[in-house]
PDB file of N, CA and C in Angstrom:
ATOM      1  N   UNK A   1       0.820  -1.198   0.000  1.00  0.00           N
ATOM      2  CA  UNK A   1       0.000   0.000   0.000  1.00  0.00           C
ATOM      3  C   UNK A   1       0.862   1.258   0.000  1.00  0.00           C
ATOM      4  N   UNK A   2       2.150   1.101   0.021  1.00  0.00           N
ATOM      5  CA  UNK A   2       3.028   2.261   0.056  1.00  0.00           C
ATOM      6  C   UNK A   2       2.952   3.065  -1.233  1.00  0.00           C
ATOM      7  N   UNK A   3       2.669   2.404  -2.344  1.00  0.00           N
ATOM      8  CA  UNK A   3       2.604   3.103  -3.624  1.00  0.00           C
ATOM      9  C   UNK A   3       1.414   4.049  -3.699  1.00  0.00           C
ATOM     10  N   UNK A   4       0.374   3.793  -2.912  1.00  0.00           N
ATOM     11  CA  UNK A   4      -0.805   4.657  -2.920  1.00  0.00           C
ATOM     12  C   UNK A   4      -0.473   6.014  -2.312  1.00  0.00           C
ATOM     13  N   UNK A   5       0.350   6.032  -1.280  1.00  0.00           N
ATOM     14  CA  UNK A   5       0.669   7.282  -0.604  1.00  0.00           C
ATOM     15  C   UNK A   5       1.863   8.000  -1.211  1.00  0.00           C
ATOM     16  N   UNK A   6       2.535   7.402  -2.166  1.00  0.00           N
ATOM     17  CA  UNK A   6       3.695   8.018  -2.802  1.00  0.00           C
ATOM     18  C   UNK A   6       3.216   8.844  -4.002  1.00  0.00           C
ATOM     19  N   UNK A   7       3.045  10.144  -3.768  1.00  0.00           N
ATOM     20  CA  UNK A   7       2.485  11.021  -4.790  1.00  0.00           C
ATOM     21  C   UNK A   7       3.418  11.136  -5.987  1.00  0.00           C
ATOM     22  N   UNK A   8       4.703  11.178  -5.745  1.00  0.00           N
ATOM     23  CA  UNK A   8       5.650  11.314  -6.857  1.00  0.00           C
ATOM     24  C   UNK A   8       5.605  10.087  -7.772  1.00  0.00           C
ATOM     25  N   UNK A   9       5.570   8.906  -7.192  1.00  0.00           N
ATOM     26  CA  UNK A   9       5.491   7.695  -8.007  1.00  0.00           C
ATOM     27  C   UNK A   9       4.169   7.629  -8.768  1.00  0.00           C
ATOM     28  N   UNK A  10       3.091   8.046  -8.113  1.00  0.00           N
ATOM     29  CA  UNK A  10       1.796   8.038  -8.780  1.00  0.00           C
ATOM     30  C   UNK A  10       1.755   9.051  -9.920  1.00  0.00           C
ATOM     31  N   UNK A  11       2.345  10.220  -9.710  1.00  0.00           N
ATOM     32  CA  UNK A  11       2.357  11.222 -10.776  1.00  0.00           C
ATOM     33  C   UNK A  11       3.233  10.770 -11.945  1.00  0.00           C
ATOM     34  N   UNK A  12       4.344  10.088 -11.664  1.00  0.00           N
ATOM     35  CA  UNK A  12       5.158   9.534 -12.755  1.00  0.00           C
ATOM     36  C   UNK A  12       4.383   8.474 -13.529  1.00  0.00           C
ATOM     37  N   UNK A  13       3.604   7.678 -12.812  1.00  0.00           N
ATOM     38  CA  UNK A  13       2.792   6.645 -13.442  1.00  0.00           C
ATOM     39  C   UNK A  13       1.734   7.271 -14.353  1.00  0.00           C
ATOM     40  N   UNK A  14       1.083   8.336 -13.875  1.00  0.00           N
ATOM     41  CA  UNK A  14       0.070   9.019 -14.688  1.00  0.00           C
ATOM     42  C   UNK A  14       0.719   9.676 -15.905  1.00  0.00           C
ATOM     43  N   UNK A  15       1.881  10.283 -15.725  1.00  0.00           N
ATOM     44  CA  UNK A  15       2.594  10.906 -16.859  1.00  0.00           C
ATOM     45  C   UNK A  15       2.949   9.881 -17.933  1.00  0.00           C
ATOM     46  N   UNK A  16       3.216   8.660 -17.529  1.00  0.00           N
ATOM     47  CA  UNK A  16       3.615   7.638 -18.496  1.00  0.00           C
ATOM     48  C   UNK A  16       2.472   7.255 -19.435  1.00  0.00           C
ATOM     49  N   UNK A  17       1.256   7.645 -19.121  1.00  0.00           N
ATOM     50  CA  UNK A  17       0.117   7.334 -19.965  1.00  0.00           C
ATOM     51  C   UNK A  17       0.042   8.203 -21.206  1.00  0.00           C
ATOM     52  N   UNK A  18       0.769   9.302 -21.212  1.00  0.00           N
ATOM     53  CA  UNK A  18       0.797  10.164 -22.388  1.00  0.00           C
ATOM     54  C   UNK A  18      -0.508  10.900 -22.610  1.00  0.00           C
ATOM     55  N   UNK A  19      -1.044  10.767 -23.823  1.00  0.00           N
ATOM     56  CA  UNK A  19      -2.224  11.539 -24.237  1.00  0.00           C
ATOM     57  C   UNK A  19      -3.488  11.144 -23.487  1.00  0.00           C
ATOM     58  N   UNK A  20      -3.561   9.968 -22.950  1.00  0.00           N
ATOM     59  CA  UNK A  20      -4.768   9.531 -22.242  1.00  0.00           C
ATOM     60  C   UNK A  20      -4.669   9.756 -20.733  1.00  0.00           C
ATOM     61  N   UNK A  21      -3.704  10.543 -20.310  1.00  0.00           N
ATOM     62  CA  UNK A  21      -3.492  10.762 -18.880  1.00  0.00           C
ATOM     63  C   UNK A  21      -4.680  11.455 -18.228  1.00  0.00           C
ATOM     64  N   UNK A  22      -5.271  12.427 -18.907  1.00  0.00           N
ATOM     65  CA  UNK A  22      -6.409  13.138 -18.316  1.00  0.00           C
ATOM     66  C   UNK A  22      -7.598  12.191 -18.159  1.00  0.00           C
ATOM     67  N   UNK A  23      -7.924  11.470 -19.217  1.00  0.00           N
ATOM     68  CA  UNK A  23      -9.056  10.531 -19.149  1.00  0.00           C
ATOM     69  C   UNK A  23      -8.786   9.428 -18.134  1.00  0.00           C
ATOM     70  N   UNK A  24      -7.559   8.922 -18.089  1.00  0.00           N
ATOM     71  CA  UNK A  24      -7.219   7.876 -17.132  1.00  0.00           C
ATOM     72  C   UNK A  24      -7.308   8.356 -15.701  1.00  0.00           C
ATOM     73  N   UNK A  25      -6.857   9.583 -15.468  1.00  0.00           N
ATOM     74  CA  UNK A  25      -6.932  10.136 -14.121  1.00  0.00           C
ATOM     75  C   UNK A  25      -8.386  10.344 -13.701  1.00  0.00           C
ATOM     76  N   UNK A  26      -9.205  10.822 -14.620  1.00  0.00           N
ATOM     77  CA  UNK A  26     -10.628  10.997 -14.309  1.00  0.00           C
ATOM     78  C   UNK A  26     -11.271   9.641 -14.002  1.00  0.00           C
ATOM     79  N   UNK A  27     -10.933   8.621 -14.791  1.00  0.00           N
ATOM     80  CA  UNK A  27     -11.485   7.283 -14.537  1.00  0.00           C
ATOM     81  C   UNK A  27     -11.031   6.729 -13.189  1.00  0.00           C
ATOM     82  N   UNK A  28      -9.787   6.994 -12.820  1.00  0.00           N
ATOM     83  CA  UNK A  28      -9.321   6.551 -11.500  1.00  0.00           C
ATOM     84  C   UNK A  28     -10.080   7.262 -10.383  1.00  0.00           C
ATOM     85  N   UNK A  29     -10.323   8.555 -10.565  1.00  0.00           N
ATOM     86  CA  UNK A  29     -11.110   9.291  -9.566  1.00  0.00           C
ATOM     87  C   UNK A  29     -12.522   8.728  -9.472  1.00  0.00           C
ATOM     88  N   UNK A  30     -13.117   8.386 -10.603  1.00  0.00           N
ATOM     89  CA  UNK A  30     -14.457   7.799 -10.597  1.00  0.00           C
ATOM     90  C   UNK A  30     -14.445   6.469  -9.853  1.00  0.00           C
ATOM     91  N   UNK A  31     -13.446   5.643 -10.124  1.00  0.00           N
ATOM     92  CA  UNK A  31     -13.334   4.344  -9.452  1.00  0.00           C
ATOM     93  C   UNK A  31     -13.168   4.514  -7.948  1.00  0.00           C
ATOM     94  N   UNK A  32     -12.343   5.461  -7.549  1.00  0.00           N
ATOM     95  CA  UNK A  32     -12.151   5.705  -6.117  1.00  0.00           C
ATOM     96  C   UNK A  32     -13.437   6.208  -5.479  1.00  0.00           C
ATOM     97  N   UNK A  33     -14.177   7.066  -6.185  1.00  0.00           N
ATOM     98  CA  UNK A  33     -15.440   7.580  -5.636  1.00  0.00           C
ATOM     99  C   UNK A  33     -16.477   6.478  -5.478  1.00  0.00           C
ATOM    100  N   UNK A  34     -16.523   5.575  -6.440  1.00  0.00           N
ATOM    101  CA  UNK A  34     -17.516   4.500  -6.374  1.00  0.00           C
ATOM    102  C   UNK A  34     -17.191   3.523  -5.250  1.00  0.00           C
ATOM    103  N   UNK A  35     -15.915   3.145  -5.139  1.00  0.00           N
ATOM    104  CA  UNK A  35     -15.557   2.174  -4.105  1.00  0.00           C
ATOM    105  C   UNK A  35     -15.669   2.776  -2.720  1.00  0.00           C
ATOM    106  N   UNK A  36     -15.229   4.001  -2.558  1.00  0.00           N
ATOM    107  CA  UNK A  36     -15.361   4.674  -1.282  1.00  0.00           C
ATOM    108  C   UNK A  36     -14.429   4.180  -0.195  1.00  0.00           C
ATOM    109  N   UNK A  37     -13.460   3.337  -0.518  1.00  0.00           N
ATOM    110  CA  UNK A  37     -12.571   2.816   0.511  1.00  0.00           C
ATOM    111  C   UNK A  37     -11.157   3.380   0.396  1.00  0.00           C
ATOM    112  N   UNK A  38     -10.789   3.852  -0.763  1.00  0.00           N
ATOM    113  CA  UNK A  38      -9.458   4.418  -0.944  1.00  0.00           C
ATOM    114  C   UNK A  38      -9.522   5.931  -0.811  1.00  0.00           C
ATOM    115  N   UNK A  39      -8.537   6.536  -0.154  1.00  0.00           N
ATOM    116  CA  UNK A  39      -8.542   7.997  -0.070  1.00  0.00           C
ATOM    117  C   UNK A  39      -8.132   8.620  -1.403  1.00  0.00           C
ATOM    118  N   UNK A  40      -8.879   9.610  -1.836  1.00  0.00           N
ATOM    119  CA  UNK A  40      -8.601  10.220  -3.135  1.00  0.00           C
ATOM    120  C   UNK A  40      -7.595  11.368  -3.043  1.00  0.00           C
ATOM    121  N   UNK A  41      -7.196  11.753  -1.855  1.00  0.00           N
ATOM    122  CA  UNK A  41      -6.296  12.901  -1.693  1.00  0.00           C
ATOM    123  C   UNK A  41      -4.957  12.665  -2.382  1.00  0.00           C
ATOM    124  N   UNK A  42      -4.485  11.431  -2.392  1.00  0.00           N
ATOM    125  CA  UNK A  42      -3.187  11.146  -3.007  1.00  0.00           C
ATOM    126  C   UNK A  42      -3.271  11.230  -4.526  1.00  0.00           C
ATOM    127  N   UNK A  43      -4.363  10.757  -5.089  1.00  0.00           N
ATOM    128  CA  UNK A  43      -4.559  10.875  -6.537  1.00  0.00           C
ATOM    129  C   UNK A  43      -4.790  12.335  -6.919  1.00  0.00           C
ATOM    130  N   UNK A  44      -5.483  13.077  -6.075  1.00  0.00           N
ATOM    131  CA  UNK A  44      -5.675  14.501  -6.338  1.00  0.00           C
ATOM    132  C   UNK A  44      -4.347  15.237  -6.293  1.00  0.00           C
ATOM    133  N   UNK A  45      -3.491  14.876  -5.355  1.00  0.00           N
ATOM    134  CA  UNK A  45      -2.161  15.473  -5.292  1.00  0.00           C
ATOM    135  C   UNK A  45      -1.331  15.143  -6.512  1.00  0.00           C
ATOM    136  N   UNK A  46      -1.410  13.895  -6.956  1.00  0.00           N
ATOM    137  CA  UNK A  46      -0.682  13.496  -8.157  1.00  0.00           C
ATOM    138  C   UNK A  46      -1.217  14.226  -9.380  1.00  0.00           C
ATOM    139  N   UNK A  47      -2.528  14.432  -9.446  1.00  0.00           N
ATOM    140  CA  UNK A  47      -3.113  15.186 -10.556  1.00  0.00           C
ATOM    141  C   UNK A  47      -2.628  16.628 -10.544  1.00  0.00           C
ATOM    142  N   UNK A  48      -2.496  17.212  -9.355  1.00  0.00           N
ATOM    143  CA  UNK A  48      -1.986  18.576  -9.253  1.00  0.00           C
ATOM    144  C   UNK A  48      -0.528  18.650  -9.699  1.00  0.00           C
ATOM    145  N   UNK A  49       0.256  17.623  -9.395  1.00  0.00           N
ATOM    146  CA  UNK A  49       1.656  17.599  -9.825  1.00  0.00           C
ATOM    147  C   UNK A  49       1.746  17.466 -11.341  1.00  0.00           C
ATOM    148  N   UNK A  50       0.924  16.597 -11.919  1.00  0.00           N
ATOM    149  CA  UNK A  50       1.001  16.327 -13.360  1.00  0.00           C
ATOM    150  C   UNK A  50       0.393  17.466 -14.177  1.00  0.00           C
ATOM    151  N   UNK A  51      -0.795  17.931 -13.810  1.00  0.00           N
ATOM    152  CA  UNK A  51      -1.538  18.880 -14.632  1.00  0.00           C
ATOM    153  C   UNK A  51      -1.482  20.310 -14.122  1.00  0.00           C
ATOM    154  N   UNK A  52      -0.775  20.559 -13.043  1.00  0.00           N
ATOM    155  CA  UNK A  52      -0.744  21.890 -12.440  1.00  0.00           C
ATOM    156  C   UNK A  52      -1.892  22.030 -11.455  1.00  0.00           C
ATOM    157  N   UNK A  53      -1.853  23.122 -10.689  1.00  0.00           N
ATOM    158  CA  UNK A  53      -2.878  23.295  -9.653  1.00  0.00           C
ATOM    159  C   UNK A  53      -4.284  23.437 -10.241  1.00  0.00           C
ATOM    160  N   UNK A  54      -4.441  24.296 -11.232  1.00  0.00           N
ATOM    161  CA  UNK A  54      -5.768  24.500 -11.810  1.00  0.00           C
ATOM    162  C   UNK A  54      -6.222  23.285 -12.612  1.00  0.00           C
ATOM    163  N   UNK A  55      -5.353  22.773 -13.454  1.00  0.00           N
ATOM    164  CA  UNK A  55      -5.700  21.598 -14.250  1.00  0.00           C
ATOM    165  C   UNK A  55      -5.968  20.385 -13.385  1.00  0.00           C
ATOM    166  N   UNK A  56      -5.136  20.199 -12.367  1.00  0.00           N
ATOM    167  CA  UNK A  56      -5.337  19.089 -11.440  1.00  0.00           C
ATOM    168  C   UNK A  56      -6.639  19.215 -10.678  1.00  0.00           C
ATOM    169  N   UNK A  57      -6.980  20.465 -10.320  1.00  0.00           N
ATOM    170  CA  UNK A  57      -8.254  20.693  -9.637  1.00  0.00           C
ATOM    171  C   UNK A  57      -9.417  20.279 -10.525  1.00  0.00           C
ATOM    172  N   UNK A  58      -9.392  20.720 -11.781  1.00  0.00           N
ATOM    173  CA  UNK A  58     -10.505  20.407 -12.676  1.00  0.00           C
ATOM    174  C   UNK A  58     -10.580  18.917 -13.008  1.00  0.00           C
ATOM    175  N   UNK A  59      -9.434  18.270 -13.172  1.00  0.00           N
ATOM    176  CA  UNK A  59      -9.431  16.824 -13.428  1.00  0.00           C
ATOM    177  C   UNK A  59      -9.973  16.083 -12.207  1.00  0.00           C
ATOM    178  N   UNK A  60      -9.495  16.445 -11.026  1.00  0.00           N
ATOM    179  CA  UNK A  60      -9.960  15.794  -9.801  1.00  0.00           C
ATOM    180  C   UNK A  60     -11.445  16.055  -9.566  1.00  0.00           C
ATOM    181  N   UNK A  61     -11.846  17.292  -9.775  1.00  0.00           N
ATOM    182  CA  UNK A  61     -13.246  17.666  -9.560  1.00  0.00           C
ATOM    183  C   UNK A  61     -14.162  16.916 -10.530  1.00  0.00           C
ATOM    184  N   UNK A  62     -13.778  16.853 -11.791  1.00  0.00           N
ATOM    185  CA  UNK A  62     -14.591  16.141 -12.789  1.00  0.00           C
ATOM    186  C   UNK A  62     -14.726  14.662 -12.417  1.00  0.00           C
ATOM    187  N   UNK A  63     -13.625  14.059 -12.000  1.00  0.00           N
ATOM    188  CA  UNK A  63     -13.673  12.649 -11.617  1.00  0.00           C
ATOM    189  C   UNK A  63     -14.487  12.402 -10.368  1.00  0.00           C
ATOM    190  N   UNK A  64     -14.322  13.247  -9.371  1.00  0.00           N
ATOM    191  CA  UNK A  64     -15.040  13.055  -8.107  1.00  0.00           C
ATOM    192  C   UNK A  64     -16.540  13.278  -8.277  1.00  0.00           C
ATOM    193  N   UNK A  65     -16.918  14.313  -9.005  1.00  0.00           N
ATOM    194  CA  UNK A  65     -18.340  14.589  -9.205  1.00  0.00           C
ATOM    195  C   UNK A  65     -18.977  13.487 -10.057  1.00  0.00           C
ATOM    196  N   UNK A  66     -18.288  13.068 -11.115  1.00  0.00           N
ATOM    197  CA  UNK A  66     -18.801  11.986 -11.953  1.00  0.00           C
ATOM    198  C   UNK A  66     -18.921  10.692 -11.156  1.00  0.00           C
ATOM    199  N   UNK A  67     -17.926  10.415 -10.326  1.00  0.00           N
ATOM    200  CA  UNK A  67     -17.958   9.217  -9.495  1.00  0.00           C
ATOM    201  C   UNK A  67     -19.083   9.247  -8.475  1.00  0.00           C
ATOM    202  N   UNK A  68     -19.316  10.413  -7.881  1.00  0.00           N
ATOM    203  CA  UNK A  68     -20.405  10.537  -6.915  1.00  0.00           C
ATOM    204  C   UNK A  68     -21.760  10.340  -7.595  1.00  0.00           C
ATOM    205  N   UNK A  69     -21.915  10.917  -8.787  1.00  0.00           N
ATOM    206  CA  UNK A  69     -23.172  10.752  -9.523  1.00  0.00           C
ATOM    207  C   UNK A  69     -23.381   9.287  -9.914  1.00  0.00           C
ATOM    208  N   UNK A  70     -22.326   8.646 -10.377  1.00  0.00           N
ATOM    209  CA  UNK A  70     -22.434   7.238 -10.766  1.00  0.00           C
ATOM    210  C   UNK A  70     -22.702   6.350  -9.551  1.00  0.00           C
ATOM    211  N   UNK A  71     -22.074   6.657  -8.425  1.00  0.00           N
ATOM    212  CA  UNK A  71     -22.327   5.888  -7.203  1.00  0.00           C
ATOM    213  C   UNK A  71     -23.784   6.047  -6.761  1.00  0.00           C
ATOM    214  N   UNK A  72     -24.326   7.239  -6.919  1.00  0.00           N
ATOM    215  CA  UNK A  72     -25.726   7.474  -6.582  1.00  0.00           C
ATOM    216  C   UNK A  72     -26.650   6.647  -7.477  1.00  0.00           C
ATOM    217  N   UNK A  73     -26.368   6.670  -8.778  1.00  0.00           N
ATOM    218  CA  UNK A  73     -27.184   5.911  -9.730  1.00  0.00           C
ATOM    219  C   UNK A  73     -27.094   4.416  -9.429  1.00  0.00           C
ATOM    220  N   UNK A  74     -25.891   3.931  -9.157  1.00  0.00           N
ATOM    221  CA  UNK A  74     -25.720   2.510  -8.846  1.00  0.00           C
ATOM    222  C   UNK A  74     -26.439   2.124  -7.555  1.00  0.00           C
ATOM    223  N   UNK A  75     -26.410   2.995  -6.563  1.00  0.00           N
ATOM    224  CA  UNK A  75     -27.098   2.672  -5.311  1.00  0.00           C
ATOM    225  C   UNK A  75     -28.610   2.659  -5.497  1.00  0.00           C
ATOM    226  N   UNK A  76     -29.127   3.568  -6.323  1.00  0.00           N
ATOM    227  CA  UNK A  76     -30.557   3.553  -6.612  1.00  0.00           C
ATOM    228  C   UNK A  76     -30.951   2.283  -7.362  1.00  0.00           C
ATOM    229  N   UNK A  77     -30.120   1.894  -8.331  1.00  0.00           N
ATOM    230  CA  UNK A  77     -30.370   0.678  -9.099  1.00  0.00           C
ATOM    231  C   UNK A  77     -30.353  -0.544  -8.179  1.00  0.00           C
ATOM    232  N   UNK A  78     -29.358  -0.592  -7.292  1.00  0.00           N
ATOM    233  CA  UNK A  78     -29.262  -1.716  -6.363  1.00  0.00           C
ATOM    234  C   UNK A  78     -30.430  -1.773  -5.396  1.00  0.00           C
ATOM    235  N   UNK A  79     -30.886  -0.623  -4.933  1.00  0.00           N
ATOM    236  CA  UNK A  79     -32.016  -0.627  -4.000  1.00  0.00           C
ATOM    237  C   UNK A  79     -33.292  -1.088  -4.699  1.00  0.00           C
ATOM    238  N   UNK A  80     -33.442  -0.759  -5.984  1.00  0.00           N
ATOM    239  CA  UNK A  80     -34.607  -1.260  -6.722  1.00  0.00           C
ATOM    240  C   UNK A  80     -34.544  -2.772  -6.869  1.00  0.00           C
ATOM    241  N   UNK A  81     -33.339  -3.295  -7.127  1.00  0.00           N
ATOM    242  CA  UNK A  81     -33.190  -4.745  -7.254  1.00  0.00           C
ATOM    243  C   UNK A  81     -33.536  -5.443  -5.943  1.00  0.00           C
ATOM    244  N   UNK A  82     -33.106  -4.865  -4.838  1.00  0.00           N
ATOM    245  CA  UNK A  82     -33.395  -5.456  -3.531  1.00  0.00           C
ATOM    246  C   UNK A  82     -34.897  -5.432  -3.258  1.00  0.00           C
ATOM    247  N   UNK A  83     -35.552  -4.335  -3.617  1.00  0.00           N
ATOM    248  CA  UNK A  83     -37.006  -4.265  -3.412  1.00  0.00           C
ATOM    249  C   UNK A  83     -37.724  -5.308  -4.248  1.00  0.00           C
ATOM    250  N   UNK A  84     -37.244  -5.540  -5.470  1.00  0.00           N
ATOM    251  CA  UNK A  84     -37.857  -6.577  -6.303  1.00  0.00           C
ATOM    252  C   UNK A  84     -37.661  -7.954  -5.691  1.00  0.00           C
ATOM    253  N   UNK A  85     -36.470  -8.200  -5.121  1.00  0.00           N
ATOM    254  CA  UNK A  85     -36.239  -9.487  -4.469  1.00  0.00           C
ATOM    255  C   UNK A  85     -37.138  -9.660  -3.259  1.00  0.00           C
ATOM    256  N   UNK A  86     -37.353  -8.589  -2.513  1.00  0.00           N
ATOM    257  CA  UNK A  86     -38.232  -8.677  -1.357  1.00  0.00           C
ATOM    258  C   UNK A  86     -39.669  -8.956  -1.786  1.00  0.00           C
ATOM    259  N   UNK A  87     -40.090  -8.392  -2.908  1.00  0.00           N
ATOM    260  CA  UNK A  87     -41.436  -8.676  -3.406  1.00  0.00           C
ATOM    261  C   UNK A  87     -41.558 -10.141  -3.810  1.00  0.00           C
ATOM    262  N   UNK A  88     -40.480 -10.689  -4.385  1.00  0.00           N
ATOM    263  CA  UNK A  88     -40.501 -12.107  -4.749  1.00  0.00           C
ATOM    264  C   UNK A  88     -40.623 -12.969  -3.503  1.00  0.00           C
ATOM    265  N   UNK A  89     -39.977 -12.560  -2.430  1.00  0.00           N
ATOM    266  CA  UNK A  89     -40.065 -13.338  -1.191  1.00  0.00           C
ATOM    267  C   UNK A  89     -41.484 -13.339  -0.637  1.00  0.00           C
ATOM    268  N   UNK A  90     -42.210 -12.271  -0.866  1.00  0.00           N
ATOM    269  CA  UNK A  90     -43.567 -12.160  -0.347  1.00  0.00           C
ATOM    270  C   UNK A  90     -44.601 -12.823  -1.255  1.00  0.00           C
ATOM    271  N   UNK A  91     -44.170 -13.289  -2.392  1.00  0.00           N
ATOM    272  CA  UNK A  91     -45.089 -13.894  -3.359  1.00  0.00           C
ATOM    273  C   UNK A  91     -45.607 -15.236  -2.846  1.00  0.00           C
ATOM    274  N   UNK A  92     -46.923 -15.395  -2.851  1.00  0.00           N
ATOM    275  CA  UNK A  92     -47.511 -16.665  -2.409  1.00  0.00           C
ATOM    276  C   UNK A  92     -47.198 -17.777  -3.401  1.00  0.00           C
ATOM    277  N   UNK A  93     -47.165 -17.443  -4.678  1.00  0.00           N
ATOM    278  CA  UNK A  93     -46.842 -18.443  -5.704  1.00  0.00           C
ATOM    279  C   UNK A  93     -45.439 -18.991  -5.504  1.00  0.00           C
ATOM    280  N   UNK A  94     -44.490 -18.101  -5.283  1.00  0.00           N
ATOM    281  CA  UNK A  94     -43.114 -18.545  -5.069  1.00  0.00           C
ATOM    282  C   UNK A  94     -43.017 -19.357  -3.781  1.00  0.00           C
ATOM    283  N   UNK A  95     -43.688 -18.916  -2.749  1.00  0.00           N
ATOM    284  CA  UNK A  95     -43.685 -19.649  -1.487  1.00  0.00           C
ATOM    285  C   UNK A  95     -44.244 -21.064  -1.691  1.00  0.00           C
ATOM    286  N   UNK A  96     -45.335 -21.180  -2.447  1.00  0.00           N
ATOM    287  CA  UNK A  96     -45.918 -22.487  -2.721  1.00  0.00           C
ATOM    288  C   UNK A  96     -44.956 -23.363  -3.518  1.00  0.00           C
ATOM    289  N   UNK A  97     -44.272 -22.772  -4.533  1.00  0.00           N
ATOM    290  CA  UNK A  97     -43.327 -23.518  -5.357  1.00  0.00           C
ATOM    291  C   UNK A  97     -42.162 -24.032  -4.512  1.00  0.00           C
ATOM    292  N   UNK A  98     -41.654 -23.216  -3.654  1.00  0.00           N
ATOM    293  CA  UNK A  98     -40.517 -23.628  -2.822  1.00  0.00           C
ATOM    294  C   UNK A  98     -40.951 -24.747  -1.885  1.00  0.00           C
ATOM    295  N   UNK A  99     -42.120 -24.640  -1.286  1.00  0.00           N
ATOM    296  CA  UNK A  99     -42.609 -25.692  -0.400  1.00  0.00           C
ATOM    297  C   UNK A  99     -42.895 -26.976  -1.155  1.00  0.00           C
ATOM    298  N   UNK A 100     -43.462 -26.846  -2.340  1.00  0.00           N
ATOM    299  CA  UNK A 100     -43.833 -28.015  -3.140  1.00  0.00           C
ATOM    300  C   UNK A 100     -42.587 -28.759  -3.623  1.00  0.00           C
ATOM    301  N   UNK A 101     -41.586 -28.010  -4.094  1.00  0.00           N
ATOM    302  CA  UNK A 101     -40.382 -28.634  -4.632  1.00  0.00           C
ATOM    303  C   UNK A 101     -39.550 -29.234  -3.505  1.00  0.00           C
ATOM    304  N   UNK A 102     -39.433 -28.525  -2.393  1.00  0.00           N
ATOM    305  CA  UNK A 102     -38.591 -29.033  -1.316  1.00  0.00           C
ATOM    306  C   UNK A 102     -39.297 -30.111  -0.494  1.00  0.00           C
ATOM    307  N   UNK A 103     -40.620 -30.173  -0.583  1.00  0.00           N
ATOM    308  CA  UNK A 103     -41.360 -31.199   0.136  1.00  0.00           C
ATOM    309  C   UNK A 103     -41.598 -30.865   1.586  1.00  0.00           C
ATOM    310  N   UNK A 104     -41.396 -29.639   1.969  1.00  0.00           N
ATOM    311  CA  UNK A 104     -41.594 -29.238   3.380  1.00  0.00           C
ATOM    312  C   UNK A 104     -42.944 -28.659   3.596  1.00  0.00           C
TER     313      UNK A 104
END
């Protein structure tokens, strides 16, 4: 996990991507926002080193906002799926099928 906190190594890694560095950095920010377990401050620092303070701010901001929006959409989608599963559990037909097949 030492590589996550090493901003210089991370910025060198992002620089090695060449022309796709901005898109890759935004995608990494989105991934970090969705997972919610990794701190994004180190990637934001690396973005500031690679793209400058203003450019790094906009790259980090675009990734974080996009990631938050996508995480919201995914959580809404997941909650709908869970509600559908709960409705299936309450179904008398399904309950009868499970009892009939299992013999209980």
